[in-house]
Amino acid sequence: MAESNMIIEGSVDTIIIAKGQHIVAGTNITTGRASQADNHKKSTFRMLLIGGMGCGKSTLTKAFCGNNSAVAGYNDDTGLGVTRDVRAHRVKDSICRKLKLGNAFIIDAPGTGDPSMSIMKIIAKIEANISTKEIHAILLMNEARHCRLTMDLEIATILLKKSFIKSADQIIAVMTKCDDCNPRTLKKNENIWEKRLKREFGDAVDIPIVKCGIPVEYEDPYNVIESKMGENPYNIVDTLNELARLAEDPKIVQYVQADTEILRKVAKIMGVPIEDMEEEIKKLKAAREEALRES
C-alpha cells in the first residue's frame, strides 16, 4: 500500500488566520518562528513548489509523496499544465524519516507559464494557501537545460523577490531533469542562474542551487521509477539535504501580498499593455475573493 495521502487545498490542519478574512495589500500574512517548545519530530513541515509549467514540480511531488499523489507532465492535446489547483500532498514516512520530521507536506501550485490560467489567478491561489497554512520552505524549480531567463522563471523569480523577500533564506533553487542535460550545459546554466539570483536577491542572501534528476516512465502517467533512483547521480539527495537543513530550525515563511508594482512587472513580461493594467488588477481582486471562498 502506498504511503502517500493527498489532502485537498484548505483541509490541512494548521490555520493561521480565519478563513475568508481579507488581507490588506502590502502587509505580512504570516510572521514569526515555529514554536521552539514543540517537539520537532511531531511538528508539520510544509514546502511550497513554484516554477513554470512542466518543470518537474509534480514529478518531485511523486518522488516525495508516492506515484498516486499527483499527475505529472502536461496535456499533449492542449499543451496546458496538468496541475490546475494548489494542493497539499503528504510526504512519505520514509522521506520524513530522512528529514527527521514526524509530518511533512508538499504544496504543489499550477505552473506560472500555463496559458490557460492567468498569473493573477495563480497568485491568488498561492496567497489563499499561504494565508491558511504555515509554509517553511520554498522550492523555486526550473529545468536544468532552460535555466536562462524564460518567461516562466522570470515571473516566478519576481514573485519570490517581491513577496517572499523577508524569507529569502528559506528558498531553495532546484535544477530539475539534470539527467537529461549534458554536463557542460548543466554547469553553464547553473552559473547563469546563480548570477541571476544574486542580482535579484543581493549578495547577502545565499540561495542554494541543487541538482535533481528523477527517473520516470516515458508514458502517461509518468510515474517515478523507484528502483532506479539510486542509479541516477543527481536523484533527490541534494534537495533532501537542503530541506533537512531548513527543517532543523523551521521558520514560518513571511509573505507580502503582491502589490501594483509586482503586477506591472509581471504584466510587462507577459506582454500585457500598461493600459490594460487596471483590468488585470480587477482580475486579481476577483481571483483573490474566489480563492478565499474556496479555501
C-alpha atoms as a PDB file:
ATOM      1  CA  MET A   1       0.000   0.000   0.000  1.00  0.00           C
ATOM      2  CA  ALA A   2       1.291   3.441  -0.841  1.00  0.00           C
ATOM      3  CA  GLU A   3       2.449   5.633   1.985  1.00  0.00           C
ATOM      4  CA  SER A   4       1.122   8.828   0.447  1.00  0.00           C
ATOM      5  CA  ASN A   5      -2.087  10.621   1.286  1.00  0.00           C
ATOM      6  CA  MET A   6      -3.366  13.575  -0.730  1.00  0.00           C
ATOM      7  CA  ILE A   7      -5.166  16.395   1.042  1.00  0.00           C
ATOM      8  CA  ILE A   8      -7.081  18.968  -0.970  1.00  0.00           C
ATOM      9  CA  GLU A   9      -6.287  22.651  -0.504  1.00  0.00           C
ATOM     10  CA  GLY A  10      -7.936  24.153   2.544  1.00  0.00           C
ATOM     11  CA  SER A  11      -8.155  20.934   4.539  1.00  0.00           C
ATOM     12  CA  VAL A  12      -4.668  20.841   6.044  1.00  0.00           C
ATOM     13  CA  ASP A  13      -4.697  21.121   9.820  1.00  0.00           C
ATOM     14  CA  THR A  14      -2.945  24.367  10.783  1.00  0.00           C
ATOM     15  CA  ILE A  15      -4.933  27.606  10.473  1.00  0.00           C
ATOM     16  CA  ILE A  16      -3.091  30.916  10.866  1.00  0.00           C
ATOM     17  CA  ILE A  17      -5.882  33.381  10.128  1.00  0.00           C
ATOM     18  CA  ALA A  18      -9.640  32.987   9.937  1.00  0.00           C
ATOM     19  CA  LYS A  19     -10.863  31.748   6.576  1.00  0.00           C
ATOM     20  CA  GLY A  20     -12.495  34.409   4.488  1.00  0.00           C
ATOM     21  CA  GLN A  21     -10.614  37.229   6.211  1.00  0.00           C
ATOM     22  CA  HIS A  22      -9.463  39.833   3.712  1.00  0.00           C
ATOM     23  CA  ILE A  23      -5.826  40.833   3.931  1.00  0.00           C
ATOM     24  CA  VAL A  24      -4.704  44.394   3.336  1.00  0.00           C
ATOM     25  CA  ALA A  25      -2.301  44.596   0.384  1.00  0.00           C
ATOM     26  CA  GLY A  26       1.310  45.175   1.362  1.00  0.00           C
ATOM     27  CA  THR A  27       1.030  43.636   4.818  1.00  0.00           C
ATOM     28  CA  ASN A  28       2.551  40.397   6.071  1.00  0.00           C
ATOM     29  CA  ILE A  29       0.221  37.421   6.182  1.00  0.00           C
ATOM     30  CA  THR A  30       2.441  35.176   8.293  1.00  0.00           C
ATOM     31  CA  THR A  31       5.266  36.093  10.595  1.00  0.00           C
ATOM     32  CA  GLY A  32       7.492  34.580  13.201  1.00  0.00           C
ATOM     33  CA  ARG A  33       9.123  31.324  14.004  1.00  0.00           C
ATOM     34  CA  ALA A  34       7.704  27.885  14.583  1.00  0.00           C
ATOM     35  CA  SER A  35       7.347  27.307  18.305  1.00  0.00           C
ATOM     36  CA  GLN A  36      10.592  26.061  19.813  1.00  0.00           C
ATOM     37  CA  ALA A  37       8.601  24.359  22.555  1.00  0.00           C
ATOM     38  CA  ASP A  38       7.013  21.972  20.066  1.00  0.00           C
ATOM     39  CA  ASN A  39       8.545  18.557  19.722  1.00  0.00           C
ATOM     40  CA  HIS A  40      10.477  18.798  16.451  1.00  0.00           C
ATOM     41  CA  LYS A  41       9.542  15.334  15.281  1.00  0.00           C
ATOM     42  CA  LYS A  42       5.860  15.955  15.897  1.00  0.00           C
ATOM     43  CA  SER A  43       5.757  19.263  14.055  1.00  0.00           C
ATOM     44  CA  THR A  44       4.461  19.640  10.492  1.00  0.00           C
ATOM     45  CA  PHE A  45       6.840  20.975   7.855  1.00  0.00           C
ATOM     46  CA  ARG A  46       5.481  22.362   4.569  1.00  0.00           C
ATOM     47  CA  MET A  47       7.268  23.027   1.275  1.00  0.00           C
ATOM     48  CA  LEU A  48       5.820  25.243  -1.455  1.00  0.00           C
ATOM     49  CA  LEU A  49       6.782  24.408  -5.057  1.00  0.00           C
ATOM     50  CA  ILE A  50       6.952  27.323  -7.506  1.00  0.00           C
ATOM     51  CA  GLY A  51       8.001  27.109 -11.142  1.00  0.00           C
ATOM     52  CA  GLY A  52       6.889  27.033 -14.739  1.00  0.00           C
ATOM     53  CA  MET A  53       4.556  24.577 -16.439  1.00  0.00           C
ATOM     54  CA  GLY A  54       6.180  21.177 -16.944  1.00  0.00           C
ATOM     55  CA  CYS A  55       9.345  21.991 -14.974  1.00  0.00           C
ATOM     56  CA  GLY A  56       9.015  18.900 -12.775  1.00  0.00           C
ATOM     57  CA  LYS A  57       7.004  20.053  -9.745  1.00  0.00           C
ATOM     58  CA  SER A  58       4.550  17.162  -9.925  1.00  0.00           C
ATOM     59  CA  THR A  59       7.349  14.668 -10.592  1.00  0.00           C
ATOM     60  CA  LEU A  60       9.162  15.840  -7.447  1.00  0.00           C
ATOM     61  CA  THR A  61       5.858  15.517  -5.601  1.00  0.00           C
ATOM     62  CA  LYS A  62       5.606  11.904  -6.768  1.00  0.00           C
ATOM     63  CA  ALA A  63       9.166  11.202  -5.604  1.00  0.00           C
ATOM     64  CA  PHE A  64       8.409  12.645  -2.160  1.00  0.00           C
ATOM     65  CA  CYS A  65       4.795  11.555  -1.739  1.00  0.00           C
ATOM     66  CA  GLY A  66       4.261   8.498  -3.938  1.00  0.00           C
ATOM     67  CA  ASN A  67       3.126   7.928  -7.508  1.00  0.00           C
ATOM     68  CA  ASN A  68      -0.550   8.225  -6.597  1.00  0.00           C
ATOM     69  CA  SER A  69      -0.132  11.701  -5.137  1.00  0.00           C
ATOM     70  CA  ALA A  70      -0.009  13.852  -8.277  1.00  0.00           C
ATOM     71  CA  VAL A  71      -0.466  13.937 -12.038  1.00  0.00           C
ATOM     72  CA  ALA A  72       2.775  14.741 -13.838  1.00  0.00           C
ATOM     73  CA  GLY A  73       3.553  16.125 -17.284  1.00  0.00           C
ATOM     74  CA  TYR A  74       1.252  18.252 -19.419  1.00  0.00           C
ATOM     75  CA  ASN A  75      -1.730  17.653 -21.654  1.00  0.00           C
ATOM     76  CA  ASP A  76      -0.440  16.524 -25.057  1.00  0.00           C
ATOM     77  CA  ASP A  77      -3.630  17.620 -26.813  1.00  0.00           C
ATOM     78  CA  THR A  78      -3.832  21.139 -25.390  1.00  0.00           C
ATOM     79  CA  GLY A  79      -0.239  21.850 -24.349  1.00  0.00           C
ATOM     80  CA  LEU A  80      -1.547  23.014 -20.970  1.00  0.00           C
ATOM     81  CA  GLY A  81      -0.328  22.139 -17.491  1.00  0.00           C
ATOM     82  CA  VAL A  82      -1.963  19.274 -15.622  1.00  0.00           C
ATOM     83  CA  THR A  83      -1.837  20.918 -12.176  1.00  0.00           C
ATOM     84  CA  ARG A  84      -4.957  23.073 -12.052  1.00  0.00           C
ATOM     85  CA  ASP A  85      -5.095  23.974  -8.361  1.00  0.00           C
ATOM     86  CA  VAL A  86      -2.926  24.411  -5.279  1.00  0.00           C
ATOM     87  CA  ARG A  87      -2.895  21.075  -3.470  1.00  0.00           C
ATOM     88  CA  ALA A  88      -1.209  19.655  -0.405  1.00  0.00           C
ATOM     89  CA  HIS A  89       0.307  16.165  -0.546  1.00  0.00           C
ATOM     90  CA  ARG A  90       1.583  14.274   2.496  1.00  0.00           C
ATOM     91  CA  VAL A  91       5.255  13.309   2.258  1.00  0.00           C
ATOM     92  CA  LYS A  92       6.012   9.591   2.602  1.00  0.00           C
ATOM     93  CA  ASP A  93       7.125   8.331   6.003  1.00  0.00           C
ATOM     94  CA  SER A  94      10.441   7.153   4.538  1.00  0.00           C
ATOM     95  CA  ILE A  95      11.230  10.708   3.334  1.00  0.00           C
ATOM     96  CA  CYS A  96      10.041  12.222   6.633  1.00  0.00           C
ATOM     97  CA  ARG A  97      12.490   9.991   8.474  1.00  0.00           C
ATOM     98  CA  LYS A  98      15.341  11.224   6.280  1.00  0.00           C
ATOM     99  CA  LEU A  99      14.316  14.797   7.107  1.00  0.00           C
ATOM    100  CA  LYS A 100      13.915  13.844  10.801  1.00  0.00           C
ATOM    101  CA  LEU A 101      10.332  15.051  10.710  1.00  0.00           C
ATOM    102  CA  GLY A 102       7.160  13.475  12.002  1.00  0.00           C
ATOM    103  CA  ASN A 103       4.961  15.021   9.346  1.00  0.00           C
ATOM    104  CA  ALA A 104       5.559  16.964   6.135  1.00  0.00           C
ATOM    105  CA  PHE A 105       3.562  18.219   3.154  1.00  0.00           C
ATOM    106  CA  ILE A 106       4.389  19.406  -0.338  1.00  0.00           C
ATOM    107  CA  ILE A 107       2.238  22.270  -1.614  1.00  0.00           C
ATOM    108  CA  ASP A 108       2.123  21.990  -5.416  1.00  0.00           C
ATOM    109  CA  ALA A 109       0.903  25.018  -7.399  1.00  0.00           C
ATOM    110  CA  PRO A 110      -0.001  25.467 -11.100  1.00  0.00           C
ATOM    111  CA  GLY A 111       2.879  26.437 -13.383  1.00  0.00           C
ATOM    112  CA  THR A 112       3.498  30.158 -13.861  1.00  0.00           C
ATOM    113  CA  GLY A 113       3.542  29.824 -17.645  1.00  0.00           C
ATOM    114  CA  ASP A 114       0.299  27.896 -18.122  1.00  0.00           C
ATOM    115  CA  PRO A 115      -1.601  29.841 -20.841  1.00  0.00           C
ATOM    116  CA  SER A 116      -4.955  28.557 -19.576  1.00  0.00           C
ATOM    117  CA  MET A 117      -4.519  30.191 -16.150  1.00  0.00           C
ATOM    118  CA  SER A 118      -3.807  33.873 -15.673  1.00  0.00           C
ATOM    119  CA  ILE A 119      -0.847  34.684 -13.459  1.00  0.00           C
ATOM    120  CA  MET A 120      -3.283  36.735 -11.372  1.00  0.00           C
ATOM    121  CA  LYS A 121      -5.302  33.622 -10.575  1.00  0.00           C
ATOM    122  CA  ILE A 122      -2.172  31.659  -9.711  1.00  0.00           C
ATOM    123  CA  ILE A 123      -1.034  34.460  -7.370  1.00  0.00           C
ATOM    124  CA  ALA A 124      -4.455  34.477  -5.691  1.00  0.00           C
ATOM    125  CA  LYS A 125      -4.434  30.700  -5.206  1.00  0.00           C
ATOM    126  CA  ILE A 126      -0.945  30.741  -3.703  1.00  0.00           C
ATOM    127  CA  GLU A 127      -1.906  33.640  -1.404  1.00  0.00           C
ATOM    128  CA  ALA A 128      -5.026  31.856  -0.188  1.00  0.00           C
ATOM    129  CA  ASN A 129      -2.984  28.737   0.535  1.00  0.00           C
ATOM    130  CA  ILE A 130      -0.279  30.594   2.417  1.00  0.00           C
ATOM    131  CA  SER A 131      -2.859  32.528   4.432  1.00  0.00           C
ATOM    132  CA  THR A 132      -4.245  29.311   5.929  1.00  0.00           C
ATOM    133  CA  LYS A 133      -1.124  27.170   6.299  1.00  0.00           C
ATOM    134  CA  GLU A 134       2.361  27.539   7.709  1.00  0.00           C
ATOM    135  CA  ILE A 135       4.968  27.259   4.945  1.00  0.00           C
ATOM    136  CA  HIS A 136       8.583  26.592   5.949  1.00  0.00           C
ATOM    137  CA  ALA A 137      10.458  26.196   2.653  1.00  0.00           C
ATOM    138  CA  ILE A 138      10.063  27.383  -0.940  1.00  0.00           C
ATOM    139  CA  LEU A 139      11.433  25.378  -3.855  1.00  0.00           C
ATOM    140  CA  LEU A 140      11.964  27.520  -6.968  1.00  0.00           C
ATOM    141  CA  MET A 141      12.113  24.981  -9.770  1.00  0.00           C
ATOM    142  CA  ASN A 142      13.290  25.109 -13.363  1.00  0.00           C
ATOM    143  CA  GLU A 143      14.563  22.653 -15.951  1.00  0.00           C
ATOM    144  CA  ALA A 144      18.355  22.437 -15.987  1.00  0.00           C
ATOM    145  CA  ARG A 145      18.514  22.945 -19.748  1.00  0.00           C
ATOM    146  CA  HIS A 146      16.279  26.047 -19.509  1.00  0.00           C
ATOM    147  CA  CYS A 147      17.991  27.981 -16.735  1.00  0.00           C
ATOM    148  CA  ARG A 148      18.266  31.033 -18.931  1.00  0.00           C
ATOM    149  CA  LEU A 149      15.556  33.606 -18.331  1.00  0.00           C
ATOM    150  CA  THR A 150      12.433  32.006 -19.690  1.00  0.00           C
ATOM    151  CA  MET A 151       9.158  33.828 -19.075  1.00  0.00           C
ATOM    152  CA  ASP A 152       8.097  31.186 -16.550  1.00  0.00           C
ATOM    153  CA  LEU A 153      11.254  31.556 -14.481  1.00  0.00           C
ATOM    154  CA  GLU A 154      11.215  35.355 -14.754  1.00  0.00           C
ATOM    155  CA  ILE A 155       7.664  35.534 -13.350  1.00  0.00           C
ATOM    156  CA  ALA A 156       8.405  33.054 -10.560  1.00  0.00           C
ATOM    157  CA  THR A 157      11.575  34.945  -9.579  1.00  0.00           C
ATOM    158  CA  ILE A 158       9.736  38.287  -9.419  1.00  0.00           C
ATOM    159  CA  LEU A 159       7.031  36.774  -7.202  1.00  0.00           C
ATOM    160  CA  LEU A 160       9.659  35.386  -4.844  1.00  0.00           C
ATOM    161  CA  LYS A 161      11.759  38.540  -4.787  1.00  0.00           C
ATOM    162  CA  LYS A 162       8.864  40.873  -4.038  1.00  0.00           C
ATOM    163  CA  SER A 163       6.549  38.712  -1.963  1.00  0.00           C
ATOM    164  CA  PHE A 164       8.993  36.450  -0.098  1.00  0.00           C
ATOM    165  CA  ILE A 165      11.974  38.789   0.251  1.00  0.00           C
ATOM    166  CA  LYS A 166      11.861  38.595   4.067  1.00  0.00           C
ATOM    167  CA  SER A 167      12.206  34.821   3.838  1.00  0.00           C
ATOM    168  CA  ALA A 168      14.727  34.584   1.001  1.00  0.00           C
ATOM    169  CA  ASP A 169      16.946  32.379   3.181  1.00  0.00           C
ATOM    170  CA  GLN A 170      14.189  29.740   3.035  1.00  0.00           C
ATOM    171  CA  ILE A 171      14.291  29.482  -0.763  1.00  0.00           C
ATOM    172  CA  ILE A 172      15.989  26.534  -2.462  1.00  0.00           C
ATOM    173  CA  ALA A 173      16.618  26.732  -6.214  1.00  0.00           C
ATOM    174  CA  VAL A 174      16.132  23.311  -7.815  1.00  0.00           C
ATOM    175  CA  MET A 175      17.521  22.462 -11.251  1.00  0.00           C
ATOM    176  CA  THR A 176      15.298  19.627 -12.486  1.00  0.00           C
ATOM    177  CA  LYS A 177      15.786  16.939 -15.137  1.00  0.00           C
ATOM    178  CA  CYS A 178      19.555  17.171 -14.740  1.00  0.00           C
ATOM    179  CA  ASP A 179      19.892  13.645 -16.127  1.00  0.00           C
ATOM    180  CA  ASP A 180      18.605  14.992 -19.483  1.00  0.00           C
ATOM    181  CA  CYS A 181      21.200  17.768 -19.631  1.00  0.00           C
ATOM    182  CA  ASN A 182      24.821  17.348 -20.701  1.00  0.00           C
ATOM    183  CA  PRO A 183      27.387  18.259 -18.003  1.00  0.00           C
ATOM    184  CA  ARG A 184      28.785  21.278 -19.843  1.00  0.00           C
ATOM    185  CA  THR A 185      25.350  22.870 -20.322  1.00  0.00           C
ATOM    186  CA  LEU A 186      24.415  21.949 -16.770  1.00  0.00           C
ATOM    187  CA  LYS A 187      27.401  23.800 -15.309  1.00  0.00           C
ATOM    188  CA  LYS A 188      26.912  26.778 -17.629  1.00  0.00           C
ATOM    189  CA  ASN A 189      23.232  27.145 -16.712  1.00  0.00           C
ATOM    190  CA  GLU A 190      23.980  26.728 -13.017  1.00  0.00           C
ATOM    191  CA  ASN A 191      26.377  29.692 -13.211  1.00  0.00           C
ATOM    192  CA  ILE A 192      23.804  31.754 -15.122  1.00  0.00           C
ATOM    193  CA  TRP A 193      21.122  31.045 -12.545  1.00  0.00           C
ATOM    194  CA  GLU A 194      23.460  31.725  -9.615  1.00  0.00           C
ATOM    195  CA  LYS A 195      24.353  35.166 -11.016  1.00  0.00           C
ATOM    196  CA  ARG A 196      20.692  35.931 -11.674  1.00  0.00           C
ATOM    197  CA  LEU A 197      19.681  35.030  -8.119  1.00  0.00           C
ATOM    198  CA  LYS A 198      22.485  37.174  -6.727  1.00  0.00           C
ATOM    199  CA  ARG A 199      21.372  40.092  -8.853  1.00  0.00           C
ATOM    200  CA  GLU A 200      17.744  39.747  -7.752  1.00  0.00           C
ATOM    201  CA  PHE A 201      18.180  38.970  -4.048  1.00  0.00           C
ATOM    202  CA  GLY A 202      21.574  40.538  -3.301  1.00  0.00           C
ATOM    203  CA  ASP A 203      24.932  39.156  -2.219  1.00  0.00           C
ATOM    204  CA  ALA A 204      23.789  38.940   1.402  1.00  0.00           C
ATOM    205  CA  VAL A 205      21.339  36.165   0.523  1.00  0.00           C
ATOM    206  CA  ASP A 206      22.862  32.839  -0.419  1.00  0.00           C
ATOM    207  CA  ILE A 207      20.175  30.814  -2.179  1.00  0.00           C
ATOM    208  CA  PRO A 208      21.480  27.276  -2.650  1.00  0.00           C
ATOM    209  CA  ILE A 209      21.133  25.659  -6.061  1.00  0.00           C
ATOM    210  CA  VAL A 210      20.640  21.896  -6.045  1.00  0.00           C
ATOM    211  CA  LYS A 211      20.623  19.462  -8.947  1.00  0.00           C
ATOM    212  CA  CYS A 212      17.792  16.988  -9.250  1.00  0.00           C
ATOM    213  CA  GLY A 213      17.172  14.132 -11.663  1.00  0.00           C
ATOM    214  CA  ILE A 214      14.266  11.765 -11.106  1.00  0.00           C
ATOM    215  CA  PRO A 215      13.870   8.658 -13.317  1.00  0.00           C
ATOM    216  CA  VAL A 216      10.328   8.438 -14.689  1.00  0.00           C
ATOM    217  CA  GLU A 217       8.392   6.265 -17.091  1.00  0.00           C
ATOM    218  CA  TYR A 218       8.242   7.567 -20.659  1.00  0.00           C
ATOM    219  CA  GLU A 219       4.468   7.270 -20.939  1.00  0.00           C
ATOM    220  CA  ASP A 220       1.483   8.666 -19.085  1.00  0.00           C
ATOM    221  CA  PRO A 221       1.167   8.763 -16.051  1.00  0.00           C
ATOM    222  CA  TYR A 222       4.972   9.319 -15.953  1.00  0.00           C
ATOM    223  CA  ASN A 223       5.420   7.520 -12.657  1.00  0.00           C
ATOM    224  CA  VAL A 224       8.691   7.712 -10.763  1.00  0.00           C
ATOM    225  CA  ILE A 225      10.793   4.541 -11.138  1.00  0.00           C
ATOM    226  CA  GLU A 226      11.813   3.967  -7.523  1.00  0.00           C
ATOM    227  CA  SER A 227      14.151   1.091  -8.378  1.00  0.00           C
ATOM    228  CA  LYS A 228      16.337   3.398 -10.498  1.00  0.00           C
ATOM    229  CA  MET A 229      16.593   6.292  -8.041  1.00  0.00           C
ATOM    230  CA  GLY A 230      19.938   5.066  -6.728  1.00  0.00           C
ATOM    231  CA  GLU A 231      21.387   4.792 -10.240  1.00  0.00           C
ATOM    232  CA  ASN A 232      20.846   8.469 -11.017  1.00  0.00           C
ATOM    233  CA  PRO A 233      23.847  10.612  -9.992  1.00  0.00           C
ATOM    234  CA  TYR A 234      21.536  13.533  -9.159  1.00  0.00           C
ATOM    235  CA  ASN A 235      18.279  11.985  -7.836  1.00  0.00           C
ATOM    236  CA  ILE A 236      16.841  13.901  -4.833  1.00  0.00           C
ATOM    237  CA  VAL A 237      19.681  13.641  -2.297  1.00  0.00           C
ATOM    238  CA  ASP A 238      20.880  17.253  -2.572  1.00  0.00           C
ATOM    239  CA  THR A 239      17.308  18.517  -2.332  1.00  0.00           C
ATOM    240  CA  LEU A 240      16.725  16.443   0.786  1.00  0.00           C
ATOM    241  CA  ASN A 241      19.938  17.717   2.372  1.00  0.00           C
ATOM    242  CA  GLU A 242      18.926  21.355   1.916  1.00  0.00           C
ATOM    243  CA  LEU A 243      15.420  20.686   3.208  1.00  0.00           C
ATOM    244  CA  ALA A 244      16.872  18.889   6.233  1.00  0.00           C
ATOM    245  CA  ARG A 245      18.955  21.990   6.952  1.00  0.00           C
ATOM    246  CA  LEU A 246      15.839  24.184   6.995  1.00  0.00           C
ATOM    247  CA  ALA A 247      13.883  21.581   8.970  1.00  0.00           C
ATOM    248  CA  GLU A 248      16.449  21.633  11.802  1.00  0.00           C
ATOM    249  CA  ASP A 249      15.232  25.093  12.820  1.00  0.00           C
ATOM    250  CA  PRO A 250      11.969  25.666  10.938  1.00  0.00           C
ATOM    251  CA  LYS A 251      10.789  29.226  10.393  1.00  0.00           C
ATOM    252  CA  ILE A 252       7.418  30.252   9.047  1.00  0.00           C
ATOM    253  CA  VAL A 253       7.700  31.962   5.669  1.00  0.00           C
ATOM    254  CA  GLN A 254       6.824  35.654   5.711  1.00  0.00           C
ATOM    255  CA  TYR A 255       4.753  36.744   2.763  1.00  0.00           C
ATOM    256  CA  VAL A 256       3.883  40.207   1.483  1.00  0.00           C
ATOM    257  CA  GLN A 257       0.822  40.332  -0.740  1.00  0.00           C
ATOM    258  CA  ALA A 258       1.532  41.228  -4.381  1.00  0.00           C
ATOM    259  CA  ASP A 259       1.145  44.958  -4.952  1.00  0.00           C
ATOM    260  CA  THR A 260       0.714  47.078  -8.090  1.00  0.00           C
ATOM    261  CA  GLU A 261       4.476  47.236  -8.731  1.00  0.00           C
ATOM    262  CA  ILE A 262       4.700  43.451  -8.884  1.00  0.00           C
ATOM    263  CA  LEU A 263       1.681  43.251 -11.153  1.00  0.00           C
ATOM    264  CA  ARG A 264       3.168  45.812 -13.536  1.00  0.00           C
ATOM    265  CA  LYS A 265       6.409  43.844 -13.836  1.00  0.00           C
ATOM    266  CA  VAL A 266       4.562  40.572 -14.369  1.00  0.00           C
ATOM    267  CA  ALA A 267       2.275  42.199 -16.931  1.00  0.00           C
ATOM    268  CA  LYS A 268       5.290  43.601 -18.812  1.00  0.00           C
ATOM    269  CA  ILE A 269       6.870  40.144 -19.034  1.00  0.00           C
ATOM    270  CA  MET A 270       3.584  38.683 -20.263  1.00  0.00           C
ATOM    271  CA  GLY A 271       3.181  41.442 -22.834  1.00  0.00           C
ATOM    272  CA  VAL A 272       0.102  42.987 -21.250  1.00  0.00           C
ATOM    273  CA  PRO A 273      -0.195  46.671 -22.288  1.00  0.00           C
ATOM    274  CA  ILE A 274       0.005  49.189 -19.459  1.00  0.00           C
ATOM    275  CA  GLU A 275      -3.459  50.489 -20.334  1.00  0.00           C
ATOM    276  CA  ASP A 276      -4.836  47.035 -19.577  1.00  0.00           C
ATOM    277  CA  MET A 277      -3.262  47.026 -16.108  1.00  0.00           C
ATOM    278  CA  GLU A 278      -6.398  48.223 -14.331  1.00  0.00           C
ATOM    279  CA  GLU A 279      -8.306  45.332 -15.839  1.00  0.00           C
ATOM    280  CA  GLU A 280      -5.635  42.902 -14.659  1.00  0.00           C
ATOM    281  CA  ILE A 281      -5.785  44.326 -11.121  1.00  0.00           C
ATOM    282  CA  LYS A 282      -9.561  43.837 -11.161  1.00  0.00           C
ATOM    283  CA  LYS A 283      -8.983  40.230 -12.236  1.00  0.00           C
ATOM    284  CA  LEU A 284      -6.587  39.673  -9.350  1.00  0.00           C
ATOM    285  CA  LYS A 285      -9.057  41.157  -6.873  1.00  0.00           C
ATOM    286  CA  ALA A 286     -11.785  38.861  -8.186  1.00  0.00           C
ATOM    287  CA  ALA A 287      -9.420  35.864  -8.172  1.00  0.00           C
ATOM    288  CA  ARG A 288      -8.406  36.618  -4.574  1.00  0.00           C
ATOM    289  CA  GLU A 289     -12.029  36.720  -3.483  1.00  0.00           C
ATOM    290  CA  GLU A 290     -12.730  33.455  -5.308  1.00  0.00           C
ATOM    291  CA  ALA A 291      -9.657  31.764  -3.779  1.00  0.00           C
ATOM    292  CA  LEU A 292     -10.683  32.868  -0.269  1.00  0.00           C
ATOM    293  CA  ARG A 293     -14.154  31.398  -0.802  1.00  0.00           C
ATOM    294  CA  GLU A 294     -12.645  28.109  -1.917  1.00  0.00           C
ATOM    295  CA  SER A 295     -10.158  27.921   0.977  1.00  0.00           C
END
